[in-house]
C-alpha atoms as a PDB file:
ATOM      1  CA  MET A   1      37.879  -5.164  -1.398  1.00  0.00           C
ATOM      2  CA  ARG A   2      36.100  -8.452  -1.736  1.00  0.00           C
ATOM      3  CA  ARG A   3      37.309 -11.465  -3.644  1.00  0.00           C
ATOM      4  CA  GLY A   4      35.247 -14.135  -5.295  1.00  0.00           C
ATOM      5  CA  LEU A   5      34.945 -16.258  -8.422  1.00  0.00           C
ATOM      6  CA  LEU A   6      33.195 -14.920 -11.497  1.00  0.00           C
ATOM      7  CA  LYS A   7      32.286 -17.506 -14.093  1.00  0.00           C
ATOM      8  CA  THR A   8      30.199 -18.152 -17.200  1.00  0.00           C
ATOM      9  CA  ASN A   9      30.955 -15.471 -19.752  1.00  0.00           C
ATOM     10  CA  THR A  10      27.767 -14.899 -21.751  1.00  0.00           C
ATOM     11  CA  ARG A  11      29.568 -15.030 -25.110  1.00  0.00           C
ATOM     12  CA  SER A  12      32.572 -17.221 -24.373  1.00  0.00           C
ATOM     13  CA  SER A  13      33.268 -20.492 -26.159  1.00  0.00           C
ATOM     14  CA  PRO A  14      32.002 -23.733 -24.594  1.00  0.00           C
ATOM     15  CA  SER A  15      35.547 -24.734 -23.717  1.00  0.00           C
ATOM     16  CA  SER A  16      36.099 -21.637 -21.616  1.00  0.00           C
ATOM     17  CA  ALA A  17      32.590 -21.134 -20.269  1.00  0.00           C
ATOM     18  CA  THR A  18      33.209 -23.211 -17.171  1.00  0.00           C
ATOM     19  CA  ALA A  19      36.580 -21.711 -16.314  1.00  0.00           C
ATOM     20  CA  ALA A  20      36.284 -19.566 -13.190  1.00  0.00           C
ATOM     21  CA  ARG A  21      38.139 -16.267 -13.283  1.00  0.00           C
ATOM     22  CA  PRO A  22      39.309 -14.393 -10.184  1.00  0.00           C
ATOM     23  CA  PHE A  23      38.091 -10.841  -9.768  1.00  0.00           C
ATOM     24  CA  VAL A  24      38.377  -7.965  -7.337  1.00  0.00           C
ATOM     25  CA  THR A  25      35.450  -5.631  -6.679  1.00  0.00           C
ATOM     26  CA  CYS A  26      35.986  -2.049  -5.639  1.00  0.00           C
ATOM     27  CA  ALA A  27      32.823  -0.962  -3.847  1.00  0.00           C
ATOM     28  CA  ARG A  28      31.623   2.601  -4.372  1.00  0.00           C
ATOM     29  CA  ARG A  29      28.769   4.110  -2.453  1.00  0.00           C
ATOM     30  CA  ARG A  30      25.683   4.720  -4.583  1.00  0.00           C
ATOM     31  CA  ARG A  31      27.564   3.682  -7.699  1.00  0.00           C
ATOM     32  CA  PRO A  32      27.858   0.416  -9.611  1.00  0.00           C
ATOM     33  CA  ARG A  33      30.881  -1.596  -8.599  1.00  0.00           C
ATOM     34  CA  SER A  34      33.887  -1.684 -10.889  1.00  0.00           C
ATOM     35  CA  ILE A  35      35.328  -5.156 -11.335  1.00  0.00           C
ATOM     36  CA  LEU A  36      38.898  -5.859 -12.407  1.00  0.00           C
ATOM     37  CA  HIS A  37      39.326  -9.466 -13.486  1.00  0.00           C
ATOM     38  CA  ALA A  38      42.050 -11.472 -15.222  1.00  0.00           C
ATOM     39  CA  ARG A  39      41.388 -13.602 -18.286  1.00  0.00           C
ATOM     40  CA  SER A  40      43.264 -16.835 -17.705  1.00  0.00           C
ATOM     41  CA  SER A  41      44.032 -17.408 -21.399  1.00  0.00           C
ATOM     42  CA  THR A  42      46.282 -14.349 -21.759  1.00  0.00           C
ATOM     43  CA  SER A  43      46.731 -13.087 -18.184  1.00  0.00           C
ATOM     44  CA  ALA A  44      45.743  -9.677 -19.556  1.00  0.00           C
ATOM     45  CA  ARG A  45      43.646  -7.580 -17.205  1.00  0.00           C
ATOM     46  CA  SER A  46      40.469  -5.902 -18.317  1.00  0.00           C
ATOM     47  CA  ARG A  47      38.012  -3.661 -16.530  1.00  0.00           C
ATOM     48  CA  ALA A  48      34.294  -4.255 -16.362  1.00  0.00           C
ATOM     49  CA  ARG A  49      31.311  -2.585 -14.724  1.00  0.00           C
ATOM     50  CA  ALA A  50      29.051  -4.505 -12.364  1.00  0.00           C
ATOM     51  CA  THR A  51      25.493  -3.537 -11.487  1.00  0.00           C
ATOM     52  CA  THR A  52      24.006  -5.362  -8.503  1.00  0.00           C
ATOM     53  CA  CYS A  53      20.720  -5.317  -6.633  1.00  0.00           C
ATOM     54  CA  SER A  54      18.681  -7.558  -4.378  1.00  0.00           C
ATOM     55  CA  ILE A  55      16.592 -10.317  -5.922  1.00  0.00           C
ATOM     56  CA  ASN A  56      13.433  -8.754  -4.489  1.00  0.00           C
ATOM     57  CA  SER A  57      14.031  -5.434  -6.281  1.00  0.00           C
ATOM     58  CA  SER A  58      15.700  -6.705  -9.441  1.00  0.00           C
ATOM     59  CA  TYR A  59      12.855  -6.449 -11.968  1.00  0.00           C
ATOM     60  CA  PHE A  60      14.411  -3.767 -14.180  1.00  0.00           C
ATOM     61  CA  LEU A  61      17.869  -5.339 -13.953  1.00  0.00           C
ATOM     62  CA  GLN A  62      16.395  -8.681 -14.997  1.00  0.00           C
ATOM     63  CA  VAL A  63      14.695  -7.025 -17.963  1.00  0.00           C
ATOM     64  CA  GLU A  64      18.006  -5.478 -19.000  1.00  0.00           C
ATOM     65  CA  ILE A  65      19.800  -8.811 -18.671  1.00  0.00           C
ATOM     66  CA  GLN A  66      17.338 -10.658 -20.864  1.00  0.00           C
ATOM     67  CA  VAL A  67      17.337  -7.923 -23.499  1.00  0.00           C
ATOM     68  CA  LEU A  68      21.143  -7.681 -23.636  1.00  0.00           C
ATOM     69  CA  GLN A  69      21.401 -11.458 -23.936  1.00  0.00           C
ATOM     70  CA  SER A  70      19.579 -11.129 -27.265  1.00  0.00           C
ATOM     71  CA  LEU A  71      21.665  -8.234 -28.672  1.00  0.00           C
ATOM     72  CA  ASP A  72      25.148  -8.051 -30.194  1.00  0.00           C
ATOM     73  CA  HIS A  73      25.990  -4.760 -31.921  1.00  0.00           C
ATOM     74  CA  PRO A  74      29.131  -2.576 -31.811  1.00  0.00           C
ATOM     75  CA  ASN A  75      27.085   0.408 -30.621  1.00  0.00           C
ATOM     76  CA  ILE A  76      25.158  -1.399 -27.876  1.00  0.00           C
ATOM     77  CA  ILE A  77      26.697  -2.071 -24.451  1.00  0.00           C
ATOM     78  CA  HIS A  78      28.224  -5.558 -24.245  1.00  0.00           C
ATOM     79  CA  MET A  79      27.177  -7.772 -21.335  1.00  0.00           C
ATOM     80  CA  GLU A  80      30.094  -9.860 -20.069  1.00  0.00           C
ATOM     81  CA  ASP A  81      28.555 -12.040 -17.348  1.00  0.00           C
ATOM     82  CA  VAL A  82      25.577 -12.591 -15.080  1.00  0.00           C
ATOM     83  CA  TYR A  83      25.752 -14.199 -11.642  1.00  0.00           C
ATOM     84  CA  GLN A  84      23.763 -14.296  -8.440  1.00  0.00           C
ATOM     85  CA  THR A  85      23.702 -15.398  -4.846  1.00  0.00           C
ATOM     86  CA  ASP A  86      20.580 -16.384  -2.931  1.00  0.00           C
ATOM     87  CA  THR A  87      19.823 -12.721  -2.254  1.00  0.00           C
ATOM     88  CA  ARG A  88      21.476 -10.651  -5.007  1.00  0.00           C
ATOM     89  CA  ILE A  89      21.821 -10.616  -8.769  1.00  0.00           C
ATOM     90  CA  CYS A  90      24.713  -9.025 -10.673  1.00  0.00           C
ATOM     91  CA  MET A  91      25.155  -8.008 -14.308  1.00  0.00           C
ATOM     92  CA  VAL A  92      28.704  -7.376 -15.541  1.00  0.00           C
ATOM     93  CA  THR A  93      29.167  -5.201 -18.640  1.00  0.00           C
ATOM     94  CA  GLU A  94      32.126  -3.673 -20.404  1.00  0.00           C
ATOM     95  CA  LEU A  95      33.450  -0.535 -18.721  1.00  0.00           C
ATOM     96  CA  MET A  96      32.702   2.706 -20.551  1.00  0.00           C
ATOM     97  CA  GLU A  97      35.348   5.217 -19.475  1.00  0.00           C
ATOM     98  CA  GLY A  98      34.498   8.174 -21.716  1.00  0.00           C
ATOM     99  CA  GLY A  99      31.384   9.383 -19.910  1.00  0.00           C
ATOM    100  CA  GLU A 100      28.000  10.359 -21.339  1.00  0.00           C
ATOM    101  CA  LEU A 101      27.441  11.737 -24.811  1.00  0.00           C
ATOM    102  CA  PHE A 102      25.529  14.532 -23.071  1.00  0.00           C
ATOM    103  CA  ASP A 103      28.615  15.569 -21.084  1.00  0.00           C
ATOM    104  CA  TYR A 104      30.772  15.328 -24.209  1.00  0.00           C
ATOM    105  CA  VAL A 105      28.520  17.762 -26.052  1.00  0.00           C
ATOM    106  CA  VAL A 106      28.310  20.101 -23.036  1.00  0.00           C
ATOM    107  CA  GLN A 107      32.113  20.176 -22.840  1.00  0.00           C
ATOM    108  CA  LYS A 108      32.525  20.907 -26.558  1.00  0.00           C
ATOM    109  CA  GLY A 109      29.768  23.508 -26.543  1.00  0.00           C
ATOM    110  CA  THR A 110      28.705  22.750 -30.112  1.00  0.00           C
ATOM    111  CA  LEU A 111      29.261  20.074 -32.753  1.00  0.00           C
ATOM    112  CA  SER A 112      29.760  20.396 -36.475  1.00  0.00           C
ATOM    113  CA  GLU A 113      27.101  18.754 -38.600  1.00  0.00           C
ATOM    114  CA  VAL A 114      29.721  16.279 -39.828  1.00  0.00           C
ATOM    115  CA  GLU A 115      30.587  15.134 -36.300  1.00  0.00           C
ATOM    116  CA  ALA A 116      26.923  15.045 -35.288  1.00  0.00           C
ATOM    117  CA  SER A 117      26.127  12.996 -38.390  1.00  0.00           C
ATOM    118  CA  CYS A 118      28.812  10.450 -37.509  1.00  0.00           C
ATOM    119  CA  LEU A 119      27.406  10.060 -33.990  1.00  0.00           C
ATOM    120  CA  VAL A 120      23.816   9.845 -35.219  1.00  0.00           C
ATOM    121  CA  ARG A 121      24.796   7.251 -37.841  1.00  0.00           C
ATOM    122  CA  LYS A 122      26.044   4.915 -35.108  1.00  0.00           C
ATOM    123  CA  ILE A 123      23.063   5.495 -32.815  1.00  0.00           C
ATOM    124  CA  THR A 124      20.625   4.969 -35.681  1.00  0.00           C
ATOM    125  CA  SER A 125      22.372   1.764 -36.748  1.00  0.00           C
ATOM    126  CA  ALA A 126      22.033   0.395 -33.207  1.00  0.00           C
ATOM    127  CA  ILE A 127      18.342   1.348 -33.043  1.00  0.00           C
ATOM    128  CA  ALA A 128      17.629  -0.279 -36.411  1.00  0.00           C
ATOM    129  CA  TYR A 129      19.391  -3.432 -35.216  1.00  0.00           C
ATOM    130  CA  MET A 130      17.510  -3.668 -31.907  1.00  0.00           C
ATOM    131  CA  HIS A 131      14.214  -3.061 -33.704  1.00  0.00           C
ATOM    132  CA  ALA A 132      15.026  -5.889 -36.122  1.00  0.00           C
ATOM    133  CA  CYS A 133      15.554  -8.052 -33.023  1.00  0.00           C
ATOM    134  CA  GLY A 134      12.131  -7.075 -31.690  1.00  0.00           C
ATOM    135  CA  VAL A 135      13.452  -4.771 -28.952  1.00  0.00           C
ATOM    136  CA  VAL A 136      12.148  -1.277 -28.228  1.00  0.00           C
ATOM    137  CA  HIS A 137      14.353   0.732 -25.838  1.00  0.00           C
ATOM    138  CA  ARG A 138      11.720   3.218 -24.561  1.00  0.00           C
ATOM    139  CA  ASP A 139      14.193   5.546 -22.820  1.00  0.00           C
ATOM    140  CA  LEU A 140      16.597   6.818 -25.457  1.00  0.00           C
ATOM    141  CA  LYS A 141      18.314  10.103 -24.564  1.00  0.00           C
ATOM    142  CA  PRO A 142      21.880  11.491 -24.668  1.00  0.00           C
ATOM    143  CA  GLU A 143      22.549  10.349 -21.080  1.00  0.00           C
ATOM    144  CA  ASN A 144      21.971   6.765 -22.218  1.00  0.00           C
ATOM    145  CA  VAL A 145      24.682   6.940 -24.866  1.00  0.00           C
ATOM    146  CA  LEU A 146      28.204   6.479 -23.468  1.00  0.00           C
ATOM    147  CA  LEU A 147      31.709   6.793 -24.894  1.00  0.00           C
ATOM    148  CA  THR A 148      34.114   3.875 -24.534  1.00  0.00           C
ATOM    149  CA  SER A 149      37.034   6.153 -23.620  1.00  0.00           C
ATOM    150  CA  PRO A 150      38.075   9.828 -23.480  1.00  0.00           C
ATOM    151  CA  SER A 151      39.955   9.327 -26.779  1.00  0.00           C
ATOM    152  CA  PRO A 152      38.856  11.330 -29.848  1.00  0.00           C
ATOM    153  CA  ASN A 153      38.431   7.978 -31.604  1.00  0.00           C
ATOM    154  CA  ALA A 154      36.176   6.544 -28.886  1.00  0.00           C
ATOM    155  CA  GLU A 155      33.197   4.416 -29.841  1.00  0.00           C
ATOM    156  CA  ILE A 156      29.695   5.215 -28.580  1.00  0.00           C
ATOM    157  CA  LYS A 157      27.244   2.674 -27.158  1.00  0.00           C
ATOM    158  CA  ILE A 158      23.610   2.707 -26.078  1.00  0.00           C
ATOM    159  CA  ILE A 159      23.047   1.624 -22.466  1.00  0.00           C
ATOM    160  CA  ASP A 160      20.269   1.291 -19.866  1.00  0.00           C
ATOM    161  CA  PHE A 161      17.815  -1.274 -21.220  1.00  0.00           C
ATOM    162  CA  GLY A 162      15.911  -1.533 -17.931  1.00  0.00           C
ATOM    163  CA  LEU A 163      12.772  -0.014 -19.479  1.00  0.00           C
ATOM    164  CA  ALA A 164      13.157  -1.919 -22.757  1.00  0.00           C
ATOM    165  CA  LYS A 165      10.599  -4.388 -24.026  1.00  0.00           C
ATOM    166  CA  LEU A 166      10.688  -7.399 -26.309  1.00  0.00           C
ATOM    167  CA  LEU A 167       7.759  -6.742 -28.610  1.00  0.00           C
ATOM    168  CA  HIS A 168       6.146 -10.080 -29.382  1.00  0.00           C
ATOM    169  CA  ASP A 169       3.230  -8.034 -30.710  1.00  0.00           C
ATOM    170  CA  SER A 170       3.611  -4.926 -32.840  1.00  0.00           C
ATOM    171  CA  GLN A 171       2.402  -2.559 -30.110  1.00  0.00           C
ATOM    172  CA  THR A 172       2.327  -2.034 -26.349  1.00  0.00           C
ATOM    173  CA  ARG A 173       0.751   0.487 -23.957  1.00  0.00           C
ATOM    174  CA  SER A 174       2.940   0.988 -20.837  1.00  0.00           C
ATOM    175  CA  PHE A 175       3.506   4.682 -20.037  1.00  0.00           C
ATOM    176  CA  LEU A 176       7.151   5.323 -19.170  1.00  0.00           C
ATOM    177  CA  GLY A 177      10.294   7.117 -20.291  1.00  0.00           C
ATOM    178  CA  THR A 178      11.804  10.579 -19.772  1.00  0.00           C
ATOM    179  CA  ARG A 179       9.964  13.850 -20.290  1.00  0.00           C
ATOM    180  CA  GLY A 180      11.139  15.700 -23.353  1.00  0.00           C
ATOM    181  CA  TYR A 181      11.696  12.442 -25.249  1.00  0.00           C
ATOM    182  CA  LEU A 182       8.182  10.949 -25.058  1.00  0.00           C
ATOM    183  CA  ALA A 183       6.429  10.458 -28.395  1.00  0.00           C
ATOM    184  CA  PRO A 184       2.970  12.031 -28.904  1.00  0.00           C
ATOM    185  CA  GLU A 185       1.235   8.642 -29.055  1.00  0.00           C
ATOM    186  CA  MET A 186       2.622   7.777 -25.624  1.00  0.00           C
ATOM    187  CA  LEU A 187       1.413  11.090 -24.196  1.00  0.00           C
ATOM    188  CA  ARG A 188      -2.019  10.333 -25.642  1.00  0.00           C
ATOM    189  CA  ARG A 189      -1.897   7.070 -23.651  1.00  0.00           C
ATOM    190  CA  GLN A 190      -2.383   5.157 -26.895  1.00  0.00           C
ATOM    191  CA  SER A 191      -0.781   1.884 -27.882  1.00  0.00           C
ATOM    192  CA  TYR A 192       2.599   2.472 -29.496  1.00  0.00           C
ATOM    193  CA  SER A 193       5.312   0.650 -31.406  1.00  0.00           C
ATOM    194  CA  LYS A 194       9.042   0.873 -32.090  1.00  0.00           C
ATOM    195  CA  SER A 195       8.443   4.288 -33.648  1.00  0.00           C
ATOM    196  CA  ILE A 196       8.660   5.879 -30.184  1.00  0.00           C
ATOM    197  CA  ASP A 197      12.414   5.199 -30.311  1.00  0.00           C
ATOM    198  CA  VAL A 198      12.615   7.036 -33.633  1.00  0.00           C
ATOM    199  CA  TRP A 199      10.891  10.048 -32.055  1.00  0.00           C
ATOM    200  CA  ALA A 200      13.443   9.986 -29.228  1.00  0.00           C
ATOM    201  CA  LEU A 201      16.213   9.751 -31.835  1.00  0.00           C
ATOM    202  CA  GLY A 202      14.821  12.908 -33.427  1.00  0.00           C
ATOM    203  CA  VAL A 203      14.978  14.716 -30.089  1.00  0.00           C
ATOM    204  CA  ILE A 204      18.586  13.559 -29.625  1.00  0.00           C
ATOM    205  CA  VAL A 205      19.542  14.842 -33.094  1.00  0.00           C
ATOM    206  CA  TYR A 206      17.844  18.169 -32.344  1.00  0.00           C
ATOM    207  CA  VAL A 207      19.700  18.483 -29.031  1.00  0.00           C
ATOM    208  CA  LEU A 208      23.045  17.697 -30.694  1.00  0.00           C
ATOM    209  CA  LEU A 209      22.521  20.308 -33.407  1.00  0.00           C
ATOM    210  CA  CYS A 210      20.571  23.056 -31.636  1.00  0.00           C
ATOM    211  CA  GLY A 211      21.741  22.694 -28.029  1.00  0.00           C
ATOM    212  CA  CYS A 212      18.209  22.658 -26.610  1.00  0.00           C
ATOM    213  CA  LEU A 213      15.093  20.503 -26.506  1.00  0.00           C
ATOM    214  CA  PRO A 214      12.706  20.939 -29.459  1.00  0.00           C
ATOM    215  CA  PHE A 215       9.508  21.030 -27.384  1.00  0.00           C
ATOM    216  CA  ASN A 216       8.331  22.215 -23.988  1.00  0.00           C
ATOM    217  CA  ASP A 217       7.059  18.837 -22.820  1.00  0.00           C
ATOM    218  CA  ASP A 218       5.713  18.626 -19.271  1.00  0.00           C
ATOM    219  CA  GLY A 219       4.621  15.006 -19.708  1.00  0.00           C
ATOM    220  CA  SER A 220       0.927  15.884 -19.464  1.00  0.00           C
ATOM    221  CA  LYS A 221      -1.663  13.828 -21.319  1.00  0.00           C
ATOM    222  CA  ILE A 222      -2.656  14.905 -24.835  1.00  0.00           C
ATOM    223  CA  THR A 223      -6.301  14.379 -25.766  1.00  0.00           C
ATOM    224  CA  SER A 224      -6.427  14.850 -29.553  1.00  0.00           C
ATOM    225  CA  ASP A 225      -4.421  14.881 -32.781  1.00  0.00           C
ATOM    226  CA  LYS A 226      -5.005  18.625 -33.026  1.00  0.00           C
ATOM    227  CA  ALA A 227      -3.539  19.164 -29.560  1.00  0.00           C
ATOM    228  CA  ALA A 228      -0.579  16.946 -30.432  1.00  0.00           C
ATOM    229  CA  ARG A 229       0.215  18.920 -33.586  1.00  0.00           C
ATOM    230  CA  ALA A 230      -0.126  22.200 -31.713  1.00  0.00           C
ATOM    231  CA  LYS A 231       2.251  21.015 -28.999  1.00  0.00           C
ATOM    232  CA  PHE A 232       4.768  19.316 -31.272  1.00  0.00           C
ATOM    233  CA  GLY A 233       4.926  21.679 -34.223  1.00  0.00           C
ATOM    234  CA  LEU A 234       8.612  21.606 -35.194  1.00  0.00           C
ATOM    235  CA  ARG A 235      10.370  24.967 -35.028  1.00  0.00           C
ATOM    236  CA  PHE A 236      14.036  25.884 -35.018  1.00  0.00           C
ATOM    237  CA  PRO A 237      15.681  28.485 -32.748  1.00  0.00           C
ATOM    238  CA  ARG A 238      17.054  31.656 -34.285  1.00  0.00           C
ATOM    239  CA  TRP A 239      20.649  30.541 -33.782  1.00  0.00           C
ATOM    240  CA  ALA A 240      19.943  27.472 -35.967  1.00  0.00           C
ATOM    241  CA  SER A 241      19.341  29.572 -39.085  1.00  0.00           C
ATOM    242  CA  GLY A 242      22.500  28.061 -40.558  1.00  0.00           C
ATOM    243  CA  LEU A 243      21.317  24.479 -40.079  1.00  0.00           C
ATOM    244  CA  SER A 244      21.430  22.636 -43.394  1.00  0.00           C
ATOM    245  CA  ASP A 245      18.240  21.805 -45.284  1.00  0.00           C
ATOM    246  CA  SER A 246      19.255  18.144 -45.174  1.00  0.00           C
ATOM    247  CA  ALA A 247      19.404  18.145 -41.361  1.00  0.00           C
ATOM    248  CA  LYS A 248      16.035  19.906 -41.138  1.00  0.00           C
ATOM    249  CA  ASP A 249      14.515  17.372 -43.524  1.00  0.00           C
ATOM    250  CA  LEU A 250      15.750  14.500 -41.356  1.00  0.00           C
ATOM    251  CA  LEU A 251      14.338  16.111 -38.214  1.00  0.00           C
ATOM    252  CA  ARG A 252      10.926  16.618 -39.829  1.00  0.00           C
ATOM    253  CA  HIS A 253      10.784  12.921 -40.696  1.00  0.00           C
ATOM    254  CA  LEU A 254      11.957  11.780 -37.258  1.00  0.00           C
ATOM    255  CA  LEU A 255       9.713  14.191 -35.336  1.00  0.00           C
ATOM    256  CA  GLU A 256       6.587  13.489 -37.367  1.00  0.00           C
ATOM    257  CA  VAL A 257       3.581  13.549 -35.014  1.00  0.00           C
ATOM    258  CA  ASP A 258       1.777  10.815 -36.978  1.00  0.00           C
ATOM    259  CA  SER A 259       3.598   7.611 -36.024  1.00  0.00           C
ATOM    260  CA  GLU A 260       2.411   5.928 -39.250  1.00  0.00           C
ATOM    261  CA  LYS A 261       4.184   8.585 -41.340  1.00  0.00           C
ATOM    262  CA  ARG A 262       7.254   8.821 -39.114  1.00  0.00           C
ATOM    263  CA  TYR A 263      10.507   7.367 -40.417  1.00  0.00           C
ATOM    264  CA  THR A 264      11.493   3.896 -39.338  1.00  0.00           C
ATOM    265  CA  ALA A 265      15.022   3.441 -38.007  1.00  0.00           C
ATOM    266  CA  GLU A 266      15.917   1.684 -41.268  1.00  0.00           C
ATOM    267  CA  GLN A 267      14.729   4.676 -43.292  1.00  0.00           C
ATOM    268  CA  ALA A 268      16.688   7.036 -41.042  1.00  0.00           C
ATOM    269  CA  CYS A 269      19.859   5.017 -41.676  1.00  0.00           C
ATOM    270  CA  LEU A 270      19.511   5.740 -45.409  1.00  0.00           C
ATOM    271  CA  HIS A 271      18.865   9.483 -45.121  1.00  0.00           C
ATOM    272  CA  PRO A 272      21.589  11.515 -46.943  1.00  0.00           C
ATOM    273  CA  TRP A 273      22.384  13.550 -43.820  1.00  0.00           C
ATOM    274  CA  VAL A 274      22.914  10.389 -41.767  1.00  0.00           C
ATOM    275  CA  THR A 275      25.029   8.677 -44.432  1.00  0.00           C
ATOM    276  CA  GLY A 276      27.132  11.825 -44.803  1.00  0.00           C
ATOM    277  CA  GLN A 277      26.244  12.425 -48.456  1.00  0.00           C
ATOM    278  CA  ARG A 278      24.629  15.795 -47.717  1.00  0.00           C
ATOM    279  CA  THR A 279      26.268  16.905 -44.503  1.00  0.00           C
ATOM    280  CA  PRO A 280      28.045  20.293 -44.507  1.00  0.00           C
ATOM    281  CA  ASN A 281      31.025  20.729 -42.203  1.00  0.00           C
ATOM    282  CA  GLN A 282      29.670  23.769 -40.387  1.00  0.00           C
ATOM    283  CA  PHE A 283      29.196  24.692 -36.738  1.00  0.00           C
ATOM    284  CA  LEU A 284      26.145  26.265 -35.132  1.00  0.00           C
ATOM    285  CA  GLU A 285      26.555  28.964 -32.515  1.00  0.00           C
ATOM    286  CA  SER A 286      24.065  27.765 -29.894  1.00  0.00           C
ATOM    287  CA  PRO A 287      23.591  28.979 -26.301  1.00  0.00           C
ATOM    288  CA  ASN A 288      24.742  26.588 -23.603  1.00  0.00           C
ATOM    289  CA  TYR A 289      21.350  25.283 -22.490  1.00  0.00           C
ATOM    290  CA  LEU A 290      22.469  21.669 -22.199  1.00  0.00           C
ATOM    291  CA  LYS A 291      23.482  21.819 -18.535  1.00  0.00           C
ATOM    292  CA  SER A 292      20.014  22.984 -17.534  1.00  0.00           C
ATOM    293  CA  ILE A 293      18.474  20.245 -19.704  1.00  0.00           C
ATOM    294  CA  LYS A 294      20.506  17.607 -17.887  1.00  0.00           C
ATOM    295  CA  GLN A 295      19.492  18.977 -14.486  1.00  0.00           C
ATOM    296  CA  ARG A 296      15.869  18.789 -15.588  1.00  0.00           C
ATOM    297  CA  HIS A 297      16.323  15.170 -16.684  1.00  0.00           C
ATOM    298  CA  GLN A 298      17.839  14.225 -13.340  1.00  0.00           C
ATOM    299  CA  ALA A 299      14.912  15.830 -11.538  1.00  0.00           C
ATOM    300  CA  VAL A 300      12.260  13.848 -13.428  1.00  0.00           C
ATOM    301  CA  VAL A 301      13.933  10.480 -14.031  1.00  0.00           C
ATOM    302  CA  ALA A 302      12.775   9.183 -10.650  1.00  0.00           C
ATOM    303  CA  ASP A 303       9.186   9.905 -11.691  1.00  0.00           C
ATOM    304  CA  ALA A 304       9.645   7.866 -14.860  1.00  0.00           C
ATOM    305  CA  VAL A 305      11.006   4.870 -12.979  1.00  0.00           C
ATOM    306  CA  ALA A 306       8.261   5.136 -10.368  1.00  0.00           C
ATOM    307  CA  ALA A 307       5.605   5.182 -13.095  1.00  0.00           C
ATOM    308  CA  ALA A 308       7.043   2.028 -14.635  1.00  0.00           C
ATOM    309  CA  ASN A 309       7.380   0.366 -11.240  1.00  0.00           C
ATOM    310  CA  GLN A 310       3.696   0.821 -10.436  1.00  0.00           C
ATOM    311  CA  SER A 311       2.727  -1.915 -12.884  1.00  0.00           C
ATOM    312  CA  PRO A 312       5.726  -4.208 -13.428  1.00  0.00           C
ATOM    313  CA  ALA A 313       3.453  -7.213 -13.826  1.00  0.00           C
ATOM    314  CA  THR A 314       2.588  -6.047 -17.351  1.00  0.00           C
ATOM    315  CA  ASP A 315       6.041  -7.085 -18.534  1.00  0.00           C
ATOM    316  CA  THR A 316       6.765 -10.057 -16.286  1.00  0.00           C
ATOM    317  CA  THR A 317       6.690 -12.398 -19.282  1.00  0.00           C
ATOM    318  CA  LEU A 318      10.267 -11.256 -19.888  1.00  0.00           C
ATOM    319  CA  LEU A 319      11.588 -12.668 -16.662  1.00  0.00           C
ATOM    320  CA  PRO A 320      11.630 -16.506 -16.740  1.00  0.00           C
ATOM    321  CA  GLY A 321      15.036 -18.087 -17.163  1.00  0.00           C
ATOM    322  CA  LEU A 322      17.191 -15.271 -15.835  1.00  0.00           C
ATOM    323  CA  HIS A 323      18.385 -17.027 -12.682  1.00  0.00           C
ATOM    324  CA  SER A 324      20.449 -19.728 -14.368  1.00  0.00           C
ATOM    325  CA  ARG A 325      23.934 -18.439 -13.568  1.00  0.00           C
ATOM    326  CA  ARG A 326      25.110 -18.512  -9.980  1.00  0.00           C
ATOM    327  CA  LEU A 327      28.082 -17.335  -7.980  1.00  0.00           C
ATOM    328  CA  SER A 328      30.481 -20.093  -6.980  1.00  0.00           C
ATOM    329  CA  HIS A 329      31.417 -20.239  -3.322  1.00  0.00           C
END
C-alpha cells in the first residue's frame, strides 16, 4: 500500500476544498486502483475508484475529466477528485460495486418489459441531460452502464467518457465507437450529431429486450442511403413475438436510419413505453446470446480505441486547463 494526501474535491464547498484527506491505495495489476479515504468532517470512510495513467498517454483520461467536470446527474458517474504528479494524472470517481448492466442482464437471463423500461428511463434521462450540456458520449453500450451496488435497489450510472466530445458545433466527423452500436451516418463517414447516442440507446434497448444485437454490423463503410436501409432494416427475432407494440414503436423511432427523423433523447424520454404508461409486465423467452456479444465487444474495443488514437489532435481543444490540481508531497 502507498499513502499520500488527496485534496481538492471537485464539488466540495470552498471551506473544505483545501483540506487534505488521507487515503490508502490498493494497487491491482491491470485494474484501476481502489482508494479508501476518510472524510475529516465525519470520520466516515468511503470507497472511491481511481484511474491513473502517465501524462504522455493521458489524452482520453483528460477528455473524460473535462467532460465529467461539466456534468452532474444521478445516472452519470460522479467524479470526486483530480490530481497529478509531474509524470502521472489521476481521476477519482465514486466506486460502483454492482458490476456492469451487461453482466446483470446475463445473470438474470431475461428482463420484464417493466424492469427494462425502468432502466431505459434512467439511461435516457442521463443522455438527454448530457446532450443539453453539449456532450455526446459516442460509445454508449451496456458495458458502459454500471450498477452502484449488488442490491436490487441499486442505481445505474453511465461511465467511460474517454471518447466523448463537447460539441461546440452541431456536428463532428471523427470515426470511433464500438461495432454493433455505430449509427449509419458514422459508418457512411459523414458528419454526425448527438443523434448517434440515440441510435446506440436503441441498440441497448433491443439488447435488453431481445437478448441479441439488432444488426450484423462488421463496422465496414456504407456508401449510400439504400445500402444503409438494407443493412439496418429493423427486424425482430422469432422469440420476440410477444414484445409489446409500444416497445417496438420506441425501437423504430430510436433505430431510424435517417438521423433527421430519429428521435432526440428528449423525445425518447416522453415515449409511453419509457415513462411506463404503456409497458406490460411480461417476460420474453430469449436465447442466451449475451455472453457471446460481450466476448465480441471485448475483441473489437481495442480497434475502436486505436482508431480514435490515430488522430487525437482533432479534439485537442478539449484539453487546456486540466492540469490545475496537483498531488501534495
